[in-house]
Amino acid sequence: MKSILIAGLLATTFTLANSANAAPQGPQMRDHAPGMEMIKTLSRLSLSSEQLDEVKKLVTAFKANHERPDAPLEHPDKPNLATLSESEIRSLVETRIQNQQSHQFAIAELRSEIYNLLSESQRNILTELEAEREANRKAAHGRKRNTDRSAMRGQPPRGPRLPFEELQLTDEQLASLETLNATFRETRFQHKVTMDALRDAEQALVRSGNFSESAWDTLYAEYKDDLINAEIENMTHKQATFAVLTDAQQAEIQQKRENVDALRRLFSGN
């Protein structure tokens, strides 16, 4: 029962945490939903009634004092954004990251406070669970690479290997997308290495016992340019892939996305 209570209590908060860390999208994320992983992990730590009460107080205060930040644009390659200049994209990214930083600090502060509630044995269990999750992540990544190699040997891949493959792309368009993806692949890998280092530094600070806003600001100042450049290059790459399409294909993609957005609003009640 306790694990169910903890999961329900933390779900909203750490979903917000995942949203707040969504820029840049992709390269820095170790898994698809780190907030959900935190929920599952805490649910396995056998928190005492006193600890649960303290966690409830911390999460309730967090939710009362922090609204969800503006969500990043879901499709950076939409026509209205695809026409932005490099300077306009930089301005957009810098503003977004600046707006998110205070929320990211609040989430890190919450995690630090929750970590400080744990006993030494619970912290040890937490470390073991995280090591287990990291091993599973690497194993899954290895299986994915093997699947990609099979596809390269002539076996059909499980899904589209290029963006917009649901369209009737010409051979020239497919070749252009392959070239763009190949060029961006190394850049994306380097971004991931840098962002993984940032996540390690964040976690070390959160658990150091010396967490503070000034220490957080110092850490993020060190990585700020990397965060900005990663998102700019990600958006620029998506612009380039979108530009490969004809006007008719761009309109088709846009219409599909508008239909999906309309259905999402319908079922969410917004």
C-alpha atoms as a PDB file:
ATOM      1  CA  MET A   1       0.000   0.000   0.000  1.00  0.00           C
ATOM      2  CA  LYS A   2       2.819   2.411   0.860  1.00  0.00           C
ATOM      3  CA  SER A   3       4.411   1.947  -2.550  1.00  0.00           C
ATOM      4  CA  ILE A   4       1.094   2.798  -4.212  1.00  0.00           C
ATOM      5  CA  LEU A   5       0.716   5.924  -2.070  1.00  0.00           C
ATOM      6  CA  ILE A   6       4.258   7.076  -2.857  1.00  0.00           C
ATOM      7  CA  ALA A   7       3.823   6.436  -6.568  1.00  0.00           C
ATOM      8  CA  GLY A   8       0.596   8.405  -6.689  1.00  0.00           C
ATOM      9  CA  LEU A   9       2.039  11.237  -4.660  1.00  0.00           C
ATOM     10  CA  LEU A  10       5.186  11.653  -6.719  1.00  0.00           C
ATOM     11  CA  ALA A  11       3.834  10.960 -10.191  1.00  0.00           C
ATOM     12  CA  THR A  12       2.750  14.516 -10.962  1.00  0.00           C
ATOM     13  CA  THR A  13       5.833  16.114  -9.466  1.00  0.00           C
ATOM     14  CA  PHE A  14       8.407  14.015 -11.258  1.00  0.00           C
ATOM     15  CA  THR A  15       6.461  14.178 -14.503  1.00  0.00           C
ATOM     16  CA  LEU A  16       6.962  17.930 -14.179  1.00  0.00           C
ATOM     17  CA  ALA A  17      10.637  17.280 -13.546  1.00  0.00           C
ATOM     18  CA  ASN A  18      10.866  15.347 -16.781  1.00  0.00           C
ATOM     19  CA  SER A  19       9.106  18.173 -18.639  1.00  0.00           C
ATOM     20  CA  ALA A  20      11.332  20.838 -17.146  1.00  0.00           C
ATOM     21  CA  ASN A  21      14.441  19.042 -18.318  1.00  0.00           C
ATOM     22  CA  ALA A  22      13.119  18.575 -21.801  1.00  0.00           C
ATOM     23  CA  ALA A  23      15.356  21.123 -23.478  1.00  0.00           C
ATOM     24  CA  PRO A  24      17.414  20.161 -25.248  1.00  0.00           C
ATOM     25  CA  GLN A  25      15.370  17.176 -26.236  1.00  0.00           C
ATOM     26  CA  GLY A  26      17.023  13.823 -26.601  1.00  0.00           C
ATOM     27  CA  PRO A  27      20.791  13.971 -26.195  1.00  0.00           C
ATOM     28  CA  GLN A  28      20.994  14.490 -22.455  1.00  0.00           C
ATOM     29  CA  MET A  29      18.238  12.093 -21.412  1.00  0.00           C
ATOM     30  CA  ARG A  30      19.423   8.778 -20.028  1.00  0.00           C
ATOM     31  CA  ASP A  31      15.986   7.226 -20.306  1.00  0.00           C
ATOM     32  CA  HIS A  32      12.618   8.228 -21.653  1.00  0.00           C
ATOM     33  CA  ALA A  33      11.047   9.100 -18.296  1.00  0.00           C
ATOM     34  CA  PRO A  34      13.543   9.699 -15.493  1.00  0.00           C
ATOM     35  CA  GLY A  35      10.744  10.979 -13.257  1.00  0.00           C
ATOM     36  CA  MET A  36       8.906   7.686 -13.510  1.00  0.00           C
ATOM     37  CA  GLU A  37      12.125   5.845 -12.696  1.00  0.00           C
ATOM     38  CA  MET A  38      12.453   7.967  -9.543  1.00  0.00           C
ATOM     39  CA  ILE A  39       8.891   7.082  -8.554  1.00  0.00           C
ATOM     40  CA  LYS A  40       9.546   3.363  -8.972  1.00  0.00           C
ATOM     41  CA  THR A  41      12.853   3.618  -7.124  1.00  0.00           C
ATOM     42  CA  LEU A  42      11.428   5.447  -4.093  1.00  0.00           C
ATOM     43  CA  SER A  43       8.542   3.011  -3.997  1.00  0.00           C
ATOM     44  CA  ARG A  44      11.067   0.201  -3.389  1.00  0.00           C
ATOM     45  CA  LEU A  45      12.859   1.864  -0.468  1.00  0.00           C
ATOM     46  CA  SER A  46      10.354   0.896   2.267  1.00  0.00           C
ATOM     47  CA  LEU A  47       9.891   4.421   3.546  1.00  0.00           C
ATOM     48  CA  SER A  48       8.706   4.680   7.138  1.00  0.00           C
ATOM     49  CA  SER A  49       5.484   6.453   8.040  1.00  0.00           C
ATOM     50  CA  GLU A  50       7.519   9.435   9.240  1.00  0.00           C
ATOM     51  CA  GLN A  51       9.506   9.563   6.019  1.00  0.00           C
ATOM     52  CA  LEU A  52       6.349   9.288   3.949  1.00  0.00           C
ATOM     53  CA  ASP A  53       4.782  12.161   5.868  1.00  0.00           C
ATOM     54  CA  GLU A  54       7.849  14.315   5.247  1.00  0.00           C
ATOM     55  CA  VAL A  55       7.885  13.434   1.550  1.00  0.00           C
ATOM     56  CA  LYS A  56       4.194  14.340   1.317  1.00  0.00           C
ATOM     57  CA  LYS A  57       4.892  17.725   2.901  1.00  0.00           C
ATOM     58  CA  LEU A  58       7.798  18.430   0.539  1.00  0.00           C
ATOM     59  CA  VAL A  59       5.908  17.413  -2.589  1.00  0.00           C
ATOM     60  CA  THR A  60       2.743  19.258  -1.572  1.00  0.00           C
ATOM     61  CA  ALA A  61       4.744  22.442  -0.969  1.00  0.00           C
ATOM     62  CA  PHE A  62       6.519  22.023  -4.283  1.00  0.00           C
ATOM     63  CA  LYS A  63       3.271  21.632  -6.204  1.00  0.00           C
ATOM     64  CA  ALA A  64       1.781  24.658  -4.447  1.00  0.00           C
ATOM     65  CA  ASN A  65       4.745  26.910  -5.218  1.00  0.00           C
ATOM     66  CA  HIS A  66       5.764  25.839  -8.701  1.00  0.00           C
ATOM     67  CA  GLU A  67       3.652  25.762 -11.799  1.00  0.00           C
ATOM     68  CA  ARG A  68       4.588  23.704 -14.797  1.00  0.00           C
ATOM     69  CA  PRO A  69       6.846  25.749 -17.095  1.00  0.00           C
ATOM     70  CA  ASP A  70       5.766  26.504 -20.616  1.00  0.00           C
ATOM     71  CA  ALA A  71       6.131  23.303 -22.578  1.00  0.00           C
ATOM     72  CA  PRO A  72       8.629  23.443 -25.440  1.00  0.00           C
ATOM     73  CA  LEU A  73       7.223  23.392 -28.945  1.00  0.00           C
ATOM     74  CA  GLU A  74       6.454  19.787 -29.817  1.00  0.00           C
ATOM     75  CA  HIS A  75       7.556  20.080 -33.430  1.00  0.00           C
ATOM     76  CA  PRO A  76      10.523  22.449 -33.975  1.00  0.00           C
ATOM     77  CA  ASP A  77      10.247  21.717 -37.708  1.00  0.00           C
ATOM     78  CA  LYS A  78       6.738  23.194 -38.097  1.00  0.00           C
ATOM     79  CA  PRO A  79       6.652  25.700 -40.982  1.00  0.00           C
ATOM     80  CA  ASN A  80       6.357  28.750 -38.728  1.00  0.00           C
ATOM     81  CA  LEU A  81       9.528  27.776 -36.866  1.00  0.00           C
ATOM     82  CA  ALA A  82      11.272  26.362 -39.915  1.00  0.00           C
ATOM     83  CA  THR A  83      11.469  29.877 -41.326  1.00  0.00           C
ATOM     84  CA  LEU A  84      13.249  31.378 -38.310  1.00  0.00           C
ATOM     85  CA  SER A  85      16.762  32.692 -38.774  1.00  0.00           C
ATOM     86  CA  GLU A  86      19.720  31.401 -36.764  1.00  0.00           C
ATOM     87  CA  SER A  87      19.685  34.477 -34.548  1.00  0.00           C
ATOM     88  CA  GLU A  88      15.945  34.093 -33.920  1.00  0.00           C
ATOM     89  CA  ILE A  89      16.422  30.438 -32.988  1.00  0.00           C
ATOM     90  CA  ARG A  90      19.256  31.346 -30.602  1.00  0.00           C
ATOM     91  CA  SER A  91      17.104  33.989 -28.937  1.00  0.00           C
ATOM     92  CA  LEU A  92      14.222  31.516 -28.588  1.00  0.00           C
ATOM     93  CA  VAL A  93      16.460  28.835 -27.084  1.00  0.00           C
ATOM     94  CA  GLU A  94      18.233  31.185 -24.672  1.00  0.00           C
ATOM     95  CA  THR A  95      14.901  32.514 -23.378  1.00  0.00           C
ATOM     96  CA  ARG A  96      13.469  29.030 -22.964  1.00  0.00           C
ATOM     97  CA  ILE A  97      16.474  27.707 -21.057  1.00  0.00           C
ATOM     98  CA  GLN A  98      16.587  30.779 -18.837  1.00  0.00           C
ATOM     99  CA  ASN A  99      12.915  30.368 -17.985  1.00  0.00           C
ATOM    100  CA  GLN A 100      13.379  26.689 -17.209  1.00  0.00           C
ATOM    101  CA  GLN A 101      16.443  27.022 -15.017  1.00  0.00           C
ATOM    102  CA  SER A 102      14.584  28.244 -11.907  1.00  0.00           C
ATOM    103  CA  HIS A 103      12.144  25.347 -12.190  1.00  0.00           C
ATOM    104  CA  GLN A 104      14.996  22.895 -12.680  1.00  0.00           C
ATOM    105  CA  PHE A 105      16.619  24.245  -9.521  1.00  0.00           C
ATOM    106  CA  ALA A 106      13.387  23.782  -7.565  1.00  0.00           C
ATOM    107  CA  ILE A 107      13.154  20.163  -8.704  1.00  0.00           C
ATOM    108  CA  ALA A 108      16.800  19.507  -7.816  1.00  0.00           C
ATOM    109  CA  GLU A 109      16.207  21.096  -4.411  1.00  0.00           C
ATOM    110  CA  LEU A 110      13.223  18.820  -3.859  1.00  0.00           C
ATOM    111  CA  ARG A 111      15.258  15.766  -4.786  1.00  0.00           C
ATOM    112  CA  SER A 112      18.025  16.843  -2.436  1.00  0.00           C
ATOM    113  CA  GLU A 113      15.554  17.268   0.429  1.00  0.00           C
ATOM    114  CA  ILE A 114      14.037  13.852  -0.228  1.00  0.00           C
ATOM    115  CA  TYR A 115      17.491  12.268  -0.434  1.00  0.00           C
ATOM    116  CA  ASN A 116      18.390  13.815   2.929  1.00  0.00           C
ATOM    117  CA  LEU A 117      15.415  12.003   4.478  1.00  0.00           C
ATOM    118  CA  LEU A 118      16.820   8.585   3.565  1.00  0.00           C
ATOM    119  CA  SER A 119      18.772   6.405   5.927  1.00  0.00           C
ATOM    120  CA  GLU A 120      22.237   5.118   5.042  1.00  0.00           C
ATOM    121  CA  SER A 121      20.850   1.690   4.149  1.00  0.00           C
ATOM    122  CA  GLN A 122      18.164   3.246   1.931  1.00  0.00           C
ATOM    123  CA  ARG A 123      20.824   5.301   0.163  1.00  0.00           C
ATOM    124  CA  ASN A 124      22.821   2.145  -0.446  1.00  0.00           C
ATOM    125  CA  ILE A 125      19.753   0.418  -1.870  1.00  0.00           C
ATOM    126  CA  LEU A 126      19.130   3.477  -4.055  1.00  0.00           C
ATOM    127  CA  THR A 127      22.656   3.237  -5.445  1.00  0.00           C
ATOM    128  CA  GLU A 128      22.189  -0.480  -6.172  1.00  0.00           C
ATOM    129  CA  LEU A 129      18.867   0.108  -7.918  1.00  0.00           C
ATOM    130  CA  GLU A 130      20.366   2.835 -10.073  1.00  0.00           C
ATOM    131  CA  ALA A 131      23.305   0.605 -11.012  1.00  0.00           C
ATOM    132  CA  GLU A 132      20.842  -2.122 -11.971  1.00  0.00           C
ATOM    133  CA  ARG A 133      18.830   0.306 -14.087  1.00  0.00           C
ATOM    134  CA  GLU A 134      21.990   1.568 -15.823  1.00  0.00           C
ATOM    135  CA  ALA A 135      23.041  -2.014 -16.626  1.00  0.00           C
ATOM    136  CA  ASN A 136      19.590  -2.706 -18.076  1.00  0.00           C
ATOM    137  CA  ARG A 137      19.790   0.478 -20.127  1.00  0.00           C
ATOM    138  CA  LYS A 138      23.130  -0.545 -21.612  1.00  0.00           C
ATOM    139  CA  ALA A 139      21.829  -4.033 -22.374  1.00  0.00           C
ATOM    140  CA  ALA A 140      18.784  -2.573 -24.129  1.00  0.00           C
ATOM    141  CA  HIS A 141      21.038  -0.249 -26.106  1.00  0.00           C
ATOM    142  CA  GLY A 142      23.124  -3.231 -27.182  1.00  0.00           C
ATOM    143  CA  ARG A 143      20.028  -5.085 -28.356  1.00  0.00           C
ATOM    144  CA  LYS A 144      18.973  -2.038 -30.358  1.00  0.00           C
ATOM    145  CA  ARG A 145      22.372  -1.851 -32.049  1.00  0.00           C
ATOM    146  CA  ASN A 146      22.120  -5.531 -32.979  1.00  0.00           C
ATOM    147  CA  THR A 147      18.690  -4.869 -34.470  1.00  0.00           C
ATOM    148  CA  ASP A 148      20.149  -1.986 -36.500  1.00  0.00           C
ATOM    149  CA  ARG A 149      22.955  -4.222 -37.758  1.00  0.00           C
ATOM    150  CA  SER A 150      20.406  -6.827 -38.848  1.00  0.00           C
ATOM    151  CA  ALA A 151      18.561  -4.156 -40.798  1.00  0.00           C
ATOM    152  CA  MET A 152      21.812  -3.132 -42.487  1.00  0.00           C
ATOM    153  CA  ARG A 153      22.358  -6.768 -43.581  1.00  0.00           C
ATOM    154  CA  GLY A 154      19.140  -6.614 -45.571  1.00  0.00           C
ATOM    155  CA  GLN A 155      16.573  -7.591 -42.969  1.00  0.00           C
ATOM    156  CA  PRO A 156      13.653  -5.137 -42.740  1.00  0.00           C
ATOM    157  CA  PRO A 157      13.876  -2.680 -39.811  1.00  0.00           C
ATOM    158  CA  ARG A 158      11.082  -2.663 -37.244  1.00  0.00           C
ATOM    159  CA  GLY A 159      10.035   0.920 -38.027  1.00  0.00           C
ATOM    160  CA  PRO A 160      10.887   3.945 -40.185  1.00  0.00           C
ATOM    161  CA  ARG A 161      14.626   4.586 -40.224  1.00  0.00           C
ATOM    162  CA  LEU A 162      14.312   8.132 -41.498  1.00  0.00           C
ATOM    163  CA  PRO A 163      11.991  11.013 -40.688  1.00  0.00           C
ATOM    164  CA  PHE A 164       8.953  11.392 -42.950  1.00  0.00           C
ATOM    165  CA  GLU A 165       9.300   7.873 -44.407  1.00  0.00           C
ATOM    166  CA  GLU A 166       5.504   7.604 -44.230  1.00  0.00           C
ATOM    167  CA  LEU A 167       5.499  10.018 -47.179  1.00  0.00           C
ATOM    168  CA  GLN A 168       6.220   9.009 -50.746  1.00  0.00           C
ATOM    169  CA  LEU A 169       9.788  10.271 -50.756  1.00  0.00           C
ATOM    170  CA  THR A 170      11.918  10.250 -53.855  1.00  0.00           C
ATOM    171  CA  ASP A 171      15.317   8.562 -54.009  1.00  0.00           C
ATOM    172  CA  GLU A 172      16.930  12.009 -53.955  1.00  0.00           C
ATOM    173  CA  GLN A 173      15.010  12.987 -50.822  1.00  0.00           C
ATOM    174  CA  LEU A 174      15.938   9.741 -49.077  1.00  0.00           C
ATOM    175  CA  ALA A 175      19.588  10.264 -49.964  1.00  0.00           C
ATOM    176  CA  SER A 176      19.471  13.820 -48.622  1.00  0.00           C
ATOM    177  CA  LEU A 177      17.918  12.656 -45.342  1.00  0.00           C
ATOM    178  CA  GLU A 178      20.524   9.910 -44.996  1.00  0.00           C
ATOM    179  CA  THR A 179      23.290  12.459 -45.475  1.00  0.00           C
ATOM    180  CA  LEU A 180      21.785  14.854 -42.942  1.00  0.00           C
ATOM    181  CA  ASN A 181      21.341  12.085 -40.384  1.00  0.00           C
ATOM    182  CA  ALA A 182      24.853  10.773 -40.884  1.00  0.00           C
ATOM    183  CA  THR A 183      26.299  14.265 -40.444  1.00  0.00           C
ATOM    184  CA  PHE A 184      24.281  14.894 -37.306  1.00  0.00           C
ATOM    185  CA  ARG A 185      24.926  11.469 -35.744  1.00  0.00           C
ATOM    186  CA  GLU A 186      28.374  12.315 -34.366  1.00  0.00           C
ATOM    187  CA  THR A 187      27.170  15.709 -33.164  1.00  0.00           C
ATOM    188  CA  ARG A 188      24.290  14.053 -31.335  1.00  0.00           C
ATOM    189  CA  PHE A 189      26.655  11.548 -29.729  1.00  0.00           C
ATOM    190  CA  GLN A 190      28.968  14.293 -28.466  1.00  0.00           C
ATOM    191  CA  HIS A 191      25.993  16.168 -27.034  1.00  0.00           C
ATOM    192  CA  LYS A 192      24.901  13.022 -25.198  1.00  0.00           C
ATOM    193  CA  VAL A 193      28.351  12.559 -23.677  1.00  0.00           C
ATOM    194  CA  THR A 194      28.315  16.141 -22.409  1.00  0.00           C
ATOM    195  CA  MET A 195      24.770  15.912 -21.074  1.00  0.00           C
ATOM    196  CA  ASP A 196      25.492  12.629 -19.322  1.00  0.00           C
ATOM    197  CA  ALA A 197      28.374  14.387 -17.571  1.00  0.00           C
ATOM    198  CA  LEU A 198      25.977  17.158 -16.524  1.00  0.00           C
ATOM    199  CA  ARG A 199      23.488  14.634 -15.103  1.00  0.00           C
ATOM    200  CA  ASP A 200      26.286  12.984 -13.116  1.00  0.00           C
ATOM    201  CA  ALA A 201      27.363  16.377 -11.766  1.00  0.00           C
ATOM    202  CA  GLU A 202      23.747  17.262 -10.913  1.00  0.00           C
ATOM    203  CA  GLN A 203      23.258  14.029  -9.006  1.00  0.00           C
ATOM    204  CA  ALA A 204      26.539  14.432  -7.135  1.00  0.00           C
ATOM    205  CA  LEU A 205      25.526  17.952  -6.083  1.00  0.00           C
ATOM    206  CA  VAL A 206      22.017  16.904  -5.052  1.00  0.00           C
ATOM    207  CA  ARG A 207      23.461  14.185  -2.805  1.00  0.00           C
ATOM    208  CA  SER A 208      26.511  16.067  -1.538  1.00  0.00           C
ATOM    209  CA  GLY A 209      24.913  17.526   1.572  1.00  0.00           C
ATOM    210  CA  ASN A 210      26.076  20.942   0.352  1.00  0.00           C
ATOM    211  CA  PHE A 211      23.305  21.653  -2.138  1.00  0.00           C
ATOM    212  CA  SER A 212      22.534  25.352  -2.595  1.00  0.00           C
ATOM    213  CA  GLU A 213      21.241  27.688  -5.260  1.00  0.00           C
ATOM    214  CA  SER A 214      24.657  29.276  -5.715  1.00  0.00           C
ATOM    215  CA  ALA A 215      26.285  25.863  -6.223  1.00  0.00           C
ATOM    216  CA  TRP A 216      23.524  24.967  -8.700  1.00  0.00           C
ATOM    217  CA  ASP A 217      24.004  28.224 -10.617  1.00  0.00           C
ATOM    218  CA  THR A 218      27.766  27.626 -10.783  1.00  0.00           C
ATOM    219  CA  LEU A 219      27.220  24.139 -12.177  1.00  0.00           C
ATOM    220  CA  TYR A 220      24.765  25.296 -14.821  1.00  0.00           C
ATOM    221  CA  ALA A 221      26.956  28.229 -15.811  1.00  0.00           C
ATOM    222  CA  GLU A 222      29.624  25.678 -16.713  1.00  0.00           C
ATOM    223  CA  TYR A 223      27.249  23.827 -19.048  1.00  0.00           C
ATOM    224  CA  LYS A 224      25.050  26.694 -20.249  1.00  0.00           C
ATOM    225  CA  ASP A 225      26.725  27.083 -23.641  1.00  0.00           C
ATOM    226  CA  ASP A 226      26.533  23.326 -24.218  1.00  0.00           C
ATOM    227  CA  LEU A 227      22.808  23.307 -23.430  1.00  0.00           C
ATOM    228  CA  ILE A 228      22.136  26.207 -25.772  1.00  0.00           C
ATOM    229  CA  ASN A 229      24.283  24.902 -28.613  1.00  0.00           C
ATOM    230  CA  ALA A 230      22.820  21.402 -28.359  1.00  0.00           C
ATOM    231  CA  GLU A 231      19.270  22.698 -28.711  1.00  0.00           C
ATOM    232  CA  ILE A 232      20.190  25.101 -31.505  1.00  0.00           C
ATOM    233  CA  GLU A 233      21.901  22.348 -33.483  1.00  0.00           C
ATOM    234  CA  ASN A 234      19.006  19.988 -32.839  1.00  0.00           C
ATOM    235  CA  MET A 235      16.484  22.527 -34.126  1.00  0.00           C
ATOM    236  CA  THR A 236      18.667  23.481 -37.080  1.00  0.00           C
ATOM    237  CA  HIS A 237      18.970  19.820 -38.043  1.00  0.00           C
ATOM    238  CA  LYS A 238      15.199  19.414 -37.929  1.00  0.00           C
ATOM    239  CA  GLN A 239      14.797  22.519 -40.047  1.00  0.00           C
ATOM    240  CA  ALA A 240      17.145  21.033 -42.636  1.00  0.00           C
ATOM    241  CA  THR A 241      15.273  17.723 -42.729  1.00  0.00           C
ATOM    242  CA  PHE A 242      11.949  19.520 -43.090  1.00  0.00           C
ATOM    243  CA  ALA A 243      13.358  21.607 -45.949  1.00  0.00           C
ATOM    244  CA  VAL A 244      13.971  18.414 -47.937  1.00  0.00           C
ATOM    245  CA  LEU A 245      10.212  18.051 -48.377  1.00  0.00           C
ATOM    246  CA  THR A 246       8.186  19.651 -51.121  1.00  0.00           C
ATOM    247  CA  ASP A 247       5.547  22.244 -50.233  1.00  0.00           C
ATOM    248  CA  ALA A 248       2.833  19.620 -50.665  1.00  0.00           C
ATOM    249  CA  GLN A 249       4.635  17.174 -48.382  1.00  0.00           C
ATOM    250  CA  GLN A 250       5.177  19.852 -45.751  1.00  0.00           C
ATOM    251  CA  ALA A 251       1.474  20.683 -45.857  1.00  0.00           C
ATOM    252  CA  GLU A 252       0.594  16.987 -45.469  1.00  0.00           C
ATOM    253  CA  ILE A 253       2.846  16.637 -42.419  1.00  0.00           C
ATOM    254  CA  GLN A 254       1.428  19.828 -40.925  1.00  0.00           C
ATOM    255  CA  GLN A 255      -2.156  18.628 -41.403  1.00  0.00           C
ATOM    256  CA  LYS A 256      -1.403  15.281 -39.760  1.00  0.00           C
ATOM    257  CA  ARG A 257       0.103  17.022 -36.765  1.00  0.00           C
ATOM    258  CA  GLU A 258      -2.828  19.388 -36.438  1.00  0.00           C
ATOM    259  CA  ASN A 259      -5.179  16.396 -36.487  1.00  0.00           C
ATOM    260  CA  VAL A 260      -3.167  14.696 -33.734  1.00  0.00           C
ATOM    261  CA  ASP A 261      -3.127  17.892 -31.661  1.00  0.00           C
ATOM    262  CA  ALA A 262      -6.892  18.276 -32.073  1.00  0.00           C
ATOM    263  CA  LEU A 263      -7.489  14.707 -30.897  1.00  0.00           C
ATOM    264  CA  ARG A 264      -5.154  15.231 -27.930  1.00  0.00           C
ATOM    265  CA  ARG A 265      -7.072  18.351 -26.906  1.00  0.00           C
ATOM    266  CA  LEU A 266     -10.373  16.528 -27.341  1.00  0.00           C
ATOM    267  CA  PHE A 267      -9.441  13.649 -25.051  1.00  0.00           C
ATOM    268  CA  SER A 268      -7.620  15.827 -22.515  1.00  0.00           C
ATOM    269  CA  GLY A 269     -10.587  18.163 -22.210  1.00  0.00           C
ATOM    270  CA  ASN A 270      -8.507  21.252 -23.112  1.00  0.00           C
END
